[in-house]
Amino acid sequence: LFEKRNNDVFVYRTGIRKFTFKYSELHGSSLKMAQYLKTQGIKKGDRVALWAPNSPSWAFSYFGILLSGAIIIPIDFASGKNRAENILKLSRAKFIIQSIYKFEKVTGVKTVMIEDLDFILKSHKMIKKIIQPKSEDIAEIVYTSGTTGNPKGVVLTHKNILTNILQGHNHLKISHSLNFLSVLPMSHMLEQTVGFLTPL
């Protein structure tokens, strides 16, 4: 579906510049991201943390992780290093996608800066073999805020996420003429469901 559509999927503003991305670019970058993760030793069932601000790169990283058969560990970009390290430890993540815009970086685990991915992926081909998940396979482990105790991982299957998307679509009646402004972090399930996945 994505590769056949040429209209814009994302408009990304950095303050003074505006970048637009087409569905075909999301499709190609997601498949290249899956291939890149494969070269980093990521296999089906591995956990990959995503600790970065909202951007088109966050979106194709998200799909690239899923296409590689790995499990997404989204971390709120507002979280500090200690919380990020705690989530990495609890989730047993093997890889983290983080950002140059965090002064304190996570160390001790394989990593890539999300801002470098556009350049890195230019040298990668699209993955040929996509992992086909079962509905009961884990897609994400989302950690609670920890306001009443230590963060706890909420396990979400592909079926859990798809059910939310379908219910959201049935209630929102989204048309192709609508534009969505993503203000909440894409690591939050509300933003993922309503502002990211359901419009797609």
N, C-alpha and C. Protein backbone atom coordinates (compact mmCIF):
# COMPACT_ATOMS: atom_id res chain seq x y z
N LEU A 1 0.83 -1.20 0.00
CA LEU A 1 0.00 0.00 0.00
C LEU A 1 0.87 1.26 0.00
N PHE A 2 1.84 1.35 0.94
CA PHE A 2 2.64 2.56 1.07
C PHE A 2 3.45 2.85 -0.19
N GLU A 3 3.99 1.80 -0.83
CA GLU A 3 4.90 2.02 -1.96
C GLU A 3 4.17 2.55 -3.19
N LYS A 4 2.86 2.39 -3.26
CA LYS A 4 2.12 2.80 -4.45
C LYS A 4 1.54 4.21 -4.33
N ARG A 5 1.62 4.80 -3.14
CA ARG A 5 1.03 6.11 -2.94
C ARG A 5 2.11 7.18 -2.98
N ASN A 6 1.87 8.22 -3.75
CA ASN A 6 2.87 9.28 -3.91
C ASN A 6 2.52 10.55 -3.15
N ASN A 7 1.36 10.59 -2.49
CA ASN A 7 1.02 11.79 -1.75
C ASN A 7 1.76 11.84 -0.43
N ASP A 8 1.76 13.00 0.21
CA ASP A 8 2.54 13.22 1.42
C ASP A 8 1.94 12.45 2.60
N VAL A 9 2.83 11.85 3.38
CA VAL A 9 2.41 11.15 4.59
C VAL A 9 2.78 11.96 5.83
N PHE A 10 3.94 12.64 5.80
CA PHE A 10 4.38 13.45 6.94
C PHE A 10 4.86 14.81 6.47
N VAL A 11 4.57 15.81 7.27
CA VAL A 11 5.20 17.13 7.13
C VAL A 11 5.92 17.39 8.44
N TYR A 12 7.21 17.60 8.37
CA TYR A 12 8.04 17.73 9.56
C TYR A 12 8.67 19.12 9.58
N ARG A 13 8.38 19.87 10.65
CA ARG A 13 8.91 21.23 10.77
C ARG A 13 9.95 21.27 11.88
N THR A 14 11.07 21.92 11.58
CA THR A 14 12.15 22.04 12.56
C THR A 14 12.23 23.43 13.16
N GLY A 15 11.30 24.28 12.85
CA GLY A 15 11.32 25.66 13.32
C GLY A 15 11.44 26.60 12.15
N ILE A 16 12.51 26.45 11.36
CA ILE A 16 12.68 27.33 10.20
C ILE A 16 12.57 26.58 8.88
N ARG A 17 12.63 25.25 8.95
CA ARG A 17 12.57 24.46 7.72
C ARG A 17 11.40 23.48 7.77
N LYS A 18 10.91 23.15 6.58
CA LYS A 18 9.81 22.19 6.46
C LYS A 18 10.23 21.08 5.52
N PHE A 19 10.03 19.83 5.97
CA PHE A 19 10.36 18.67 5.16
C PHE A 19 9.09 17.86 4.94
N THR A 20 8.87 17.40 3.72
CA THR A 20 7.72 16.54 3.45
C THR A 20 8.21 15.15 3.04
N PHE A 21 7.44 14.15 3.43
CA PHE A 21 7.78 12.75 3.16
C PHE A 21 6.57 12.07 2.54
N LYS A 22 6.82 11.28 1.52
CA LYS A 22 5.76 10.57 0.83
C LYS A 22 5.60 9.16 1.38
N TYR A 23 4.45 8.56 1.12
CA TYR A 23 4.20 7.18 1.57
C TYR A 23 5.29 6.24 1.05
N SER A 24 5.70 6.45 -0.19
CA SER A 24 6.72 5.57 -0.78
C SER A 24 8.05 5.68 -0.02
N GLU A 25 8.34 6.88 0.50
CA GLU A 25 9.57 7.07 1.28
C GLU A 25 9.47 6.37 2.63
N LEU A 26 8.30 6.43 3.25
CA LEU A 26 8.09 5.73 4.52
C LEU A 26 8.25 4.23 4.30
N HIS A 27 7.69 3.73 3.22
CA HIS A 27 7.78 2.30 2.88
C HIS A 27 9.24 1.88 2.69
N GLY A 28 9.97 2.61 1.85
CA GLY A 28 11.36 2.25 1.56
C GLY A 28 12.27 2.38 2.77
N SER A 29 12.11 3.46 3.53
CA SER A 29 12.96 3.67 4.70
C SER A 29 12.68 2.63 5.79
N SER A 30 11.43 2.21 5.92
CA SER A 30 11.09 1.19 6.92
C SER A 30 11.75 -0.14 6.58
N LEU A 31 11.73 -0.50 5.30
CA LEU A 31 12.36 -1.75 4.86
C LEU A 31 13.89 -1.68 4.97
N LYS A 32 14.45 -0.51 4.70
CA LYS A 32 15.90 -0.34 4.86
C LYS A 32 16.28 -0.39 6.34
N MET A 33 15.42 0.17 7.19
CA MET A 33 15.69 0.14 8.63
C MET A 33 15.70 -1.30 9.14
N ALA A 34 14.78 -2.11 8.65
CA ALA A 34 14.74 -3.52 9.04
C ALA A 34 16.03 -4.22 8.62
N GLN A 35 16.52 -3.90 7.41
CA GLN A 35 17.77 -4.49 6.94
C GLN A 35 18.95 -4.03 7.80
N TYR A 36 18.96 -2.73 8.13
CA TYR A 36 20.03 -2.21 8.99
C TYR A 36 20.05 -2.93 10.34
N LEU A 37 18.89 -3.11 10.94
CA LEU A 37 18.82 -3.81 12.24
C LEU A 37 19.34 -5.24 12.11
N LYS A 38 19.06 -5.86 10.97
CA LYS A 38 19.55 -7.21 10.73
C LYS A 38 21.08 -7.22 10.72
N THR A 39 21.69 -6.21 10.11
CA THR A 39 23.16 -6.14 10.09
C THR A 39 23.73 -5.90 11.48
N GLN A 40 22.90 -5.38 12.38
CA GLN A 40 23.33 -5.14 13.75
C GLN A 40 23.07 -6.34 14.67
N GLY A 41 22.63 -7.45 14.05
CA GLY A 41 22.42 -8.67 14.81
C GLY A 41 21.06 -8.80 15.46
N ILE A 42 20.13 -7.92 15.09
CA ILE A 42 18.79 -7.98 15.67
C ILE A 42 17.98 -9.07 14.99
N LYS A 43 17.39 -9.93 15.81
CA LYS A 43 16.59 -11.06 15.31
C LYS A 43 15.19 -11.01 15.89
N LYS A 44 14.34 -11.89 15.40
CA LYS A 44 12.96 -12.00 15.88
C LYS A 44 12.94 -12.18 17.39
N GLY A 45 12.14 -11.36 18.05
CA GLY A 45 11.99 -11.45 19.50
C GLY A 45 12.95 -10.59 20.30
N ASP A 46 13.98 -10.02 19.64
CA ASP A 46 14.88 -9.12 20.35
C ASP A 46 14.15 -7.82 20.68
N ARG A 47 14.62 -7.14 21.72
CA ARG A 47 14.00 -5.89 22.13
C ARG A 47 14.86 -4.72 21.67
N VAL A 48 14.23 -3.74 21.03
CA VAL A 48 14.92 -2.54 20.53
C VAL A 48 14.25 -1.31 21.13
N ALA A 49 15.04 -0.53 21.88
CA ALA A 49 14.50 0.67 22.53
C ALA A 49 14.53 1.84 21.55
N LEU A 50 13.51 2.70 21.67
CA LEU A 50 13.37 3.87 20.81
C LEU A 50 13.19 5.08 21.72
N TRP A 51 14.28 5.84 21.94
CA TRP A 51 14.30 6.97 22.86
C TRP A 51 14.69 8.21 22.07
N ALA A 52 13.73 8.81 21.41
CA ALA A 52 14.01 9.91 20.49
C ALA A 52 12.75 10.78 20.33
N PRO A 53 12.93 12.02 19.87
CA PRO A 53 11.78 12.90 19.67
C PRO A 53 10.96 12.50 18.44
N ASN A 54 9.73 12.99 18.37
CA ASN A 54 8.87 12.74 17.22
C ASN A 54 9.56 13.21 15.93
N SER A 55 9.48 12.38 14.92
CA SER A 55 10.03 12.73 13.61
C SER A 55 9.66 11.63 12.63
N PRO A 56 9.79 11.88 11.33
CA PRO A 56 9.61 10.78 10.36
C PRO A 56 10.57 9.63 10.62
N SER A 57 11.77 9.93 11.11
CA SER A 57 12.73 8.86 11.42
C SER A 57 12.21 7.97 12.54
N TRP A 58 11.47 8.55 13.49
CA TRP A 58 10.85 7.75 14.55
C TRP A 58 9.85 6.77 13.92
N ALA A 59 9.10 7.25 12.94
CA ALA A 59 8.09 6.41 12.29
C ALA A 59 8.72 5.25 11.54
N PHE A 60 9.74 5.51 10.72
CA PHE A 60 10.31 4.38 9.98
C PHE A 60 11.16 3.48 10.87
N SER A 61 11.66 4.01 11.98
CA SER A 61 12.33 3.15 12.96
C SER A 61 11.32 2.19 13.58
N TYR A 62 10.15 2.72 13.91
CA TYR A 62 9.07 1.93 14.50
C TYR A 62 8.72 0.76 13.57
N PHE A 63 8.44 1.07 12.31
CA PHE A 63 8.06 0.01 11.37
C PHE A 63 9.24 -0.91 11.05
N GLY A 64 10.45 -0.36 11.00
CA GLY A 64 11.62 -1.18 10.75
C GLY A 64 11.84 -2.22 11.83
N ILE A 65 11.60 -1.82 13.08
CA ILE A 65 11.73 -2.76 14.20
C ILE A 65 10.70 -3.88 14.04
N LEU A 66 9.46 -3.53 13.74
CA LEU A 66 8.41 -4.54 13.58
C LEU A 66 8.69 -5.45 12.39
N LEU A 67 9.16 -4.87 11.29
CA LEU A 67 9.43 -5.66 10.08
C LEU A 67 10.59 -6.64 10.28
N SER A 68 11.46 -6.33 11.24
CA SER A 68 12.57 -7.23 11.53
C SER A 68 12.17 -8.33 12.52
N GLY A 69 10.92 -8.24 13.02
CA GLY A 69 10.44 -9.24 13.98
C GLY A 69 10.80 -8.93 15.41
N ALA A 70 11.44 -7.77 15.63
CA ALA A 70 11.84 -7.38 16.98
C ALA A 70 10.67 -6.72 17.73
N ILE A 71 10.91 -6.45 18.99
CA ILE A 71 9.90 -5.85 19.87
C ILE A 71 10.32 -4.42 20.20
N ILE A 72 9.40 -3.49 20.06
CA ILE A 72 9.68 -2.08 20.32
C ILE A 72 9.57 -1.79 21.81
N ILE A 73 10.56 -1.06 22.33
CA ILE A 73 10.52 -0.56 23.70
C ILE A 73 10.53 0.96 23.59
N PRO A 74 9.35 1.60 23.48
CA PRO A 74 9.34 3.07 23.35
C PRO A 74 9.61 3.73 24.70
N ILE A 75 10.48 4.74 24.68
CA ILE A 75 10.80 5.48 25.90
C ILE A 75 10.49 6.95 25.64
N ASP A 76 9.73 7.56 26.55
CA ASP A 76 9.38 8.98 26.43
C ASP A 76 10.66 9.79 26.33
N PHE A 77 10.76 10.65 25.32
CA PHE A 77 11.97 11.43 25.12
C PHE A 77 12.24 12.40 26.28
N ALA A 78 11.19 12.75 27.02
CA ALA A 78 11.36 13.64 28.18
C ALA A 78 12.01 12.91 29.36
N SER A 79 12.08 11.60 29.30
CA SER A 79 12.69 10.83 30.38
C SER A 79 14.18 11.10 30.47
N GLY A 80 14.69 11.06 31.70
CA GLY A 80 16.12 11.23 31.91
C GLY A 80 16.88 9.93 31.67
N LYS A 81 18.22 10.05 31.74
CA LYS A 81 19.08 8.90 31.48
C LYS A 81 18.82 7.76 32.45
N ASN A 82 18.61 8.07 33.73
CA ASN A 82 18.41 7.02 34.74
C ASN A 82 17.18 6.19 34.42
N ARG A 83 16.09 6.86 34.04
CA ARG A 83 14.87 6.13 33.70
C ARG A 83 15.07 5.29 32.44
N ALA A 84 15.74 5.88 31.45
CA ALA A 84 16.00 5.14 30.21
C ALA A 84 16.84 3.90 30.49
N GLU A 85 17.86 4.05 31.32
CA GLU A 85 18.72 2.90 31.66
C GLU A 85 17.95 1.85 32.43
N ASN A 86 17.05 2.29 33.32
CA ASN A 86 16.23 1.35 34.07
C ASN A 86 15.32 0.55 33.15
N ILE A 87 14.71 1.22 32.17
CA ILE A 87 13.83 0.54 31.22
C ILE A 87 14.63 -0.43 30.35
N LEU A 88 15.83 -0.02 29.94
CA LEU A 88 16.69 -0.92 29.16
C LEU A 88 17.00 -2.19 29.95
N LYS A 89 17.30 -2.01 31.23
CA LYS A 89 17.63 -3.15 32.09
C LYS A 89 16.42 -4.06 32.27
N LEU A 90 15.26 -3.46 32.56
CA LEU A 90 14.04 -4.24 32.78
C LEU A 90 13.61 -4.99 31.52
N SER A 91 13.76 -4.34 30.38
CA SER A 91 13.28 -4.93 29.11
C SER A 91 14.31 -5.87 28.48
N ARG A 92 15.56 -5.78 28.93
CA ARG A 92 16.65 -6.56 28.34
C ARG A 92 16.84 -6.19 26.86
N ALA A 93 16.74 -4.90 26.56
CA ALA A 93 16.91 -4.43 25.19
C ALA A 93 18.35 -4.66 24.73
N LYS A 94 18.50 -5.08 23.47
CA LYS A 94 19.82 -5.36 22.89
C LYS A 94 20.35 -4.17 22.08
N PHE A 95 19.47 -3.20 21.82
CA PHE A 95 19.85 -2.10 20.92
C PHE A 95 18.99 -0.90 21.30
N ILE A 96 19.56 0.30 21.13
CA ILE A 96 18.77 1.52 21.39
C ILE A 96 18.99 2.54 20.28
N ILE A 97 17.90 3.14 19.88
CA ILE A 97 17.93 4.27 18.95
C ILE A 97 17.72 5.51 19.82
N GLN A 98 18.75 6.35 19.94
CA GLN A 98 18.64 7.53 20.78
C GLN A 98 18.97 8.78 19.97
N SER A 99 19.04 9.92 20.63
CA SER A 99 19.13 11.19 19.92
C SER A 99 20.32 12.03 20.36
N ILE A 100 20.88 12.77 19.41
CA ILE A 100 21.97 13.68 19.74
C ILE A 100 21.48 14.82 20.64
N TYR A 101 20.17 15.01 20.68
CA TYR A 101 19.61 16.12 21.45
C TYR A 101 19.44 15.80 22.93
N LYS A 102 19.86 14.62 23.36
CA LYS A 102 19.95 14.30 24.78
C LYS A 102 21.40 14.49 25.22
N PHE A 103 21.60 15.36 26.20
CA PHE A 103 22.97 15.62 26.65
C PHE A 103 23.60 14.36 27.22
N GLU A 104 22.84 13.62 28.04
CA GLU A 104 23.35 12.38 28.61
C GLU A 104 22.88 11.21 27.76
N LYS A 105 23.82 10.45 27.22
CA LYS A 105 23.49 9.31 26.37
C LYS A 105 23.57 8.01 27.18
N VAL A 106 22.81 7.03 26.75
CA VAL A 106 22.90 5.70 27.32
C VAL A 106 24.10 4.99 26.72
N THR A 107 24.86 4.30 27.55
CA THR A 107 26.03 3.55 27.08
C THR A 107 25.88 2.09 27.51
N GLY A 108 26.77 1.26 27.02
CA GLY A 108 26.78 -0.14 27.43
C GLY A 108 25.86 -1.04 26.63
N VAL A 109 25.23 -0.51 25.58
CA VAL A 109 24.38 -1.29 24.71
C VAL A 109 24.56 -0.75 23.29
N LYS A 110 24.44 -1.60 22.29
CA LYS A 110 24.57 -1.14 20.89
C LYS A 110 23.60 0.00 20.64
N THR A 111 24.06 1.01 19.91
CA THR A 111 23.23 2.20 19.73
C THR A 111 23.44 2.84 18.37
N VAL A 112 22.46 3.65 17.97
CA VAL A 112 22.59 4.52 16.81
C VAL A 112 21.82 5.79 17.12
N MET A 113 22.31 6.91 16.60
CA MET A 113 21.62 8.18 16.76
C MET A 113 20.57 8.31 15.66
N ILE A 114 19.36 8.63 16.04
CA ILE A 114 18.26 8.70 15.08
C ILE A 114 18.53 9.73 13.99
N GLU A 115 19.26 10.78 14.32
CA GLU A 115 19.56 11.83 13.35
C GLU A 115 20.54 11.36 12.27
N ASP A 116 21.25 10.26 12.53
CA ASP A 116 22.20 9.72 11.54
C ASP A 116 21.57 8.70 10.60
N LEU A 117 20.34 8.29 10.88
CA LEU A 117 19.75 7.18 10.13
C LEU A 117 19.55 7.48 8.66
N ASP A 118 19.14 8.71 8.31
CA ASP A 118 18.95 9.04 6.89
C ASP A 118 20.23 8.77 6.11
N PHE A 119 21.35 9.17 6.67
CA PHE A 119 22.65 8.96 6.00
C PHE A 119 23.02 7.49 5.98
N ILE A 120 22.87 6.81 7.12
CA ILE A 120 23.25 5.40 7.24
C ILE A 120 22.45 4.53 6.28
N LEU A 121 21.15 4.79 6.17
CA LEU A 121 20.28 3.92 5.37
C LEU A 121 20.50 4.05 3.87
N LYS A 122 21.16 5.11 3.44
CA LYS A 122 21.43 5.28 2.01
C LYS A 122 22.27 4.13 1.46
N SER A 123 23.10 3.52 2.33
CA SER A 123 23.97 2.44 1.88
C SER A 123 23.35 1.06 2.08
N HIS A 124 22.09 1.02 2.53
CA HIS A 124 21.42 -0.26 2.77
C HIS A 124 20.31 -0.50 1.75
N LYS A 125 20.15 -1.76 1.39
CA LYS A 125 19.04 -2.14 0.53
C LYS A 125 17.83 -2.47 1.39
N MET A 126 16.68 -2.56 0.78
CA MET A 126 15.47 -2.93 1.51
C MET A 126 15.52 -4.41 1.87
N ILE A 127 15.08 -4.74 3.05
CA ILE A 127 15.08 -6.13 3.48
C ILE A 127 14.17 -6.95 2.56
N LYS A 128 14.59 -8.15 2.23
CA LYS A 128 13.82 -8.97 1.30
C LYS A 128 12.84 -9.88 2.02
N LYS A 129 13.25 -10.40 3.17
CA LYS A 129 12.39 -11.31 3.91
C LYS A 129 11.82 -10.61 5.14
N ILE A 130 10.53 -10.31 5.06
CA ILE A 130 9.86 -9.66 6.18
C ILE A 130 9.34 -10.73 7.14
N ILE A 131 9.59 -10.52 8.41
CA ILE A 131 9.06 -11.45 9.43
C ILE A 131 7.56 -11.26 9.52
N GLN A 132 6.80 -12.30 9.32
CA GLN A 132 5.34 -12.24 9.41
C GLN A 132 4.91 -12.62 10.84
N PRO A 133 4.50 -11.65 11.64
CA PRO A 133 4.15 -11.97 13.02
C PRO A 133 2.79 -12.65 13.14
N LYS A 134 2.64 -13.41 14.20
CA LYS A 134 1.32 -13.94 14.56
C LYS A 134 0.62 -12.89 15.39
N SER A 135 -0.70 -12.95 15.43
CA SER A 135 -1.45 -11.92 16.14
C SER A 135 -1.10 -11.87 17.62
N GLU A 136 -0.70 -13.02 18.18
CA GLU A 136 -0.38 -13.06 19.61
C GLU A 136 1.08 -12.73 19.92
N ASP A 137 1.89 -12.50 18.88
CA ASP A 137 3.29 -12.11 19.11
C ASP A 137 3.35 -10.72 19.74
N ILE A 138 4.36 -10.50 20.56
CA ILE A 138 4.54 -9.20 21.21
C ILE A 138 5.05 -8.18 20.18
N ALA A 139 4.40 -7.02 20.16
CA ALA A 139 4.84 -5.93 19.29
C ALA A 139 5.60 -4.87 20.08
N GLU A 140 5.10 -4.54 21.26
CA GLU A 140 5.70 -3.50 22.08
C GLU A 140 5.63 -3.87 23.56
N ILE A 141 6.56 -3.33 24.31
CA ILE A 141 6.46 -3.34 25.77
C ILE A 141 6.56 -1.89 26.20
N VAL A 142 5.46 -1.35 26.72
CA VAL A 142 5.38 0.05 27.09
C VAL A 142 5.48 0.15 28.61
N TYR A 143 6.39 1.00 29.08
CA TYR A 143 6.60 1.11 30.53
C TYR A 143 5.78 2.26 31.11
N THR A 144 5.18 1.97 32.27
CA THR A 144 4.35 2.95 32.96
C THR A 144 5.22 4.08 33.49
N SER A 145 4.57 5.17 33.90
CA SER A 145 5.31 6.36 34.35
C SER A 145 6.07 6.11 35.64
N GLY A 146 5.64 5.15 36.45
CA GLY A 146 6.34 4.87 37.69
C GLY A 146 6.05 5.85 38.80
N THR A 147 4.93 6.59 38.69
CA THR A 147 4.62 7.59 39.72
C THR A 147 4.23 6.94 41.06
N THR A 148 3.72 5.73 41.02
CA THR A 148 3.32 5.05 42.27
C THR A 148 4.25 3.88 42.59
N GLY A 149 5.37 3.80 41.93
CA GLY A 149 6.31 2.70 42.16
C GLY A 149 7.24 2.59 40.97
N ASN A 150 7.99 1.52 40.90
CA ASN A 150 8.89 1.32 39.77
C ASN A 150 8.10 1.13 38.48
N PRO A 151 8.65 1.58 37.33
CA PRO A 151 7.96 1.37 36.06
C PRO A 151 7.68 -0.11 35.80
N LYS A 152 6.50 -0.38 35.26
CA LYS A 152 6.11 -1.76 34.96
C LYS A 152 5.84 -1.87 33.46
N GLY A 153 6.32 -2.94 32.87
CA GLY A 153 6.15 -3.13 31.44
C GLY A 153 4.79 -3.69 31.09
N VAL A 154 4.09 -3.00 30.20
CA VAL A 154 2.80 -3.46 29.71
C VAL A 154 3.03 -4.10 28.34
N VAL A 155 2.75 -5.38 28.24
CA VAL A 155 3.01 -6.14 27.03
C VAL A 155 1.84 -5.99 26.07
N LEU A 156 2.13 -5.53 24.85
CA LEU A 156 1.10 -5.33 23.83
C LEU A 156 1.42 -6.21 22.63
N THR A 157 0.46 -7.02 22.25
CA THR A 157 0.62 -7.87 21.08
C THR A 157 0.23 -7.11 19.81
N HIS A 158 0.53 -7.70 18.67
CA HIS A 158 0.10 -7.10 17.40
C HIS A 158 -1.42 -6.99 17.36
N LYS A 159 -2.10 -7.99 17.91
CA LYS A 159 -3.57 -7.96 17.94
C LYS A 159 -4.08 -6.83 18.82
N ASN A 160 -3.44 -6.60 19.97
CA ASN A 160 -3.83 -5.49 20.85
C ASN A 160 -3.79 -4.16 20.10
N ILE A 161 -2.68 -3.93 19.41
CA ILE A 161 -2.50 -2.65 18.72
C ILE A 161 -3.46 -2.52 17.55
N LEU A 162 -3.60 -3.58 16.77
CA LEU A 162 -4.50 -3.54 15.62
C LEU A 162 -5.95 -3.33 16.05
N THR A 163 -6.34 -3.95 17.15
CA THR A 163 -7.70 -3.77 17.67
C THR A 163 -7.95 -2.31 18.02
N ASN A 164 -6.97 -1.68 18.68
CA ASN A 164 -7.10 -0.25 19.01
C ASN A 164 -7.23 0.60 17.76
N ILE A 165 -6.41 0.29 16.74
CA ILE A 165 -6.45 1.06 15.50
C ILE A 165 -7.82 0.95 14.84
N LEU A 166 -8.33 -0.28 14.75
CA LEU A 166 -9.63 -0.49 14.09
C LEU A 166 -10.76 0.19 14.85
N GLN A 167 -10.73 0.11 16.18
CA GLN A 167 -11.76 0.78 16.98
C GLN A 167 -11.65 2.30 16.83
N GLY A 168 -10.42 2.80 16.83
CA GLY A 168 -10.23 4.25 16.64
C GLY A 168 -10.74 4.70 15.30
N HIS A 169 -10.45 3.91 14.27
CA HIS A 169 -10.89 4.27 12.91
C HIS A 169 -12.42 4.24 12.82
N ASN A 170 -13.04 3.27 13.46
CA ASN A 170 -14.50 3.18 13.43
C ASN A 170 -15.18 4.37 14.11
N HIS A 171 -14.53 4.92 15.13
CA HIS A 171 -15.13 6.03 15.87
C HIS A 171 -14.76 7.40 15.31
N LEU A 172 -13.56 7.51 14.75
CA LEU A 172 -13.10 8.82 14.27
C LEU A 172 -13.55 9.13 12.85
N LYS A 173 -13.82 8.09 12.05
CA LYS A 173 -14.24 8.29 10.66
C LYS A 173 -13.26 9.20 9.92
N ILE A 174 -12.03 8.76 9.85
CA ILE A 174 -10.96 9.56 9.25
C ILE A 174 -11.07 9.56 7.73
N SER A 175 -10.97 10.76 7.16
CA SER A 175 -10.97 10.88 5.70
C SER A 175 -9.57 11.32 5.24
N HIS A 176 -9.31 11.18 3.95
CA HIS A 176 -7.99 11.54 3.41
C HIS A 176 -7.73 13.04 3.45
N SER A 177 -8.76 13.85 3.67
CA SER A 177 -8.58 15.30 3.67
C SER A 177 -8.08 15.83 5.02
N LEU A 178 -8.06 14.98 6.05
CA LEU A 178 -7.65 15.43 7.38
C LEU A 178 -6.14 15.42 7.55
N ASN A 179 -5.65 16.41 8.29
CA ASN A 179 -4.26 16.45 8.72
C ASN A 179 -4.23 16.33 10.23
N PHE A 180 -3.24 15.61 10.76
CA PHE A 180 -3.10 15.41 12.20
C PHE A 180 -1.84 16.10 12.69
N LEU A 181 -1.95 16.84 13.78
CA LEU A 181 -0.81 17.50 14.40
C LEU A 181 -0.40 16.67 15.61
N SER A 182 0.81 16.13 15.58
CA SER A 182 1.30 15.30 16.68
C SER A 182 2.03 16.18 17.69
N VAL A 183 1.41 16.34 18.85
CA VAL A 183 1.99 17.14 19.94
C VAL A 183 2.51 16.22 21.04
N LEU A 184 1.73 15.20 21.36
CA LEU A 184 2.17 14.24 22.36
C LEU A 184 3.33 13.40 21.82
N PRO A 185 4.16 12.86 22.70
CA PRO A 185 5.25 11.98 22.23
C PRO A 185 4.68 10.72 21.56
N MET A 186 5.32 10.30 20.48
CA MET A 186 4.87 9.09 19.78
C MET A 186 5.14 7.84 20.60
N SER A 187 5.89 7.97 21.67
CA SER A 187 6.11 6.84 22.58
C SER A 187 4.87 6.56 23.42
N HIS A 188 3.94 7.53 23.51
CA HIS A 188 2.70 7.34 24.26
C HIS A 188 1.69 6.60 23.39
N MET A 189 0.97 5.65 23.96
CA MET A 189 0.04 4.84 23.17
C MET A 189 -1.12 5.65 22.60
N LEU A 190 -1.55 6.71 23.28
CA LEU A 190 -2.63 7.54 22.73
C LEU A 190 -2.17 8.19 21.43
N GLU A 191 -0.99 8.79 21.44
CA GLU A 191 -0.48 9.43 20.22
C GLU A 191 -0.20 8.40 19.14
N GLN A 192 0.36 7.27 19.53
CA GLN A 192 0.63 6.21 18.55
C GLN A 192 -0.65 5.77 17.86
N THR A 193 -1.70 5.57 18.65
CA THR A 193 -2.95 5.04 18.11
C THR A 193 -3.71 6.09 17.30
N VAL A 194 -3.91 7.27 17.90
CA VAL A 194 -4.80 8.27 17.30
C VAL A 194 -4.07 9.19 16.32
N GLY A 195 -2.83 9.55 16.61
CA GLY A 195 -2.15 10.52 15.77
C GLY A 195 -1.19 9.94 14.76
N PHE A 196 -0.88 8.64 14.89
CA PHE A 196 0.14 8.03 14.03
C PHE A 196 -0.42 6.84 13.25
N LEU A 197 -0.78 5.79 13.94
CA LEU A 197 -1.16 4.54 13.25
C LEU A 197 -2.56 4.60 12.63
N THR A 198 -3.52 5.14 13.34
CA THR A 198 -4.90 5.16 12.80
C THR A 198 -4.99 6.01 11.53
N PRO A 199 -4.40 7.22 11.48
CA PRO A 199 -4.45 7.98 10.22
C PRO A 199 -3.78 7.24 9.06
N LEU A 200 -2.68 6.53 9.33
CA LEU A 200 -2.03 5.76 8.27
C LEU A 200 -2.94 4.67 7.75
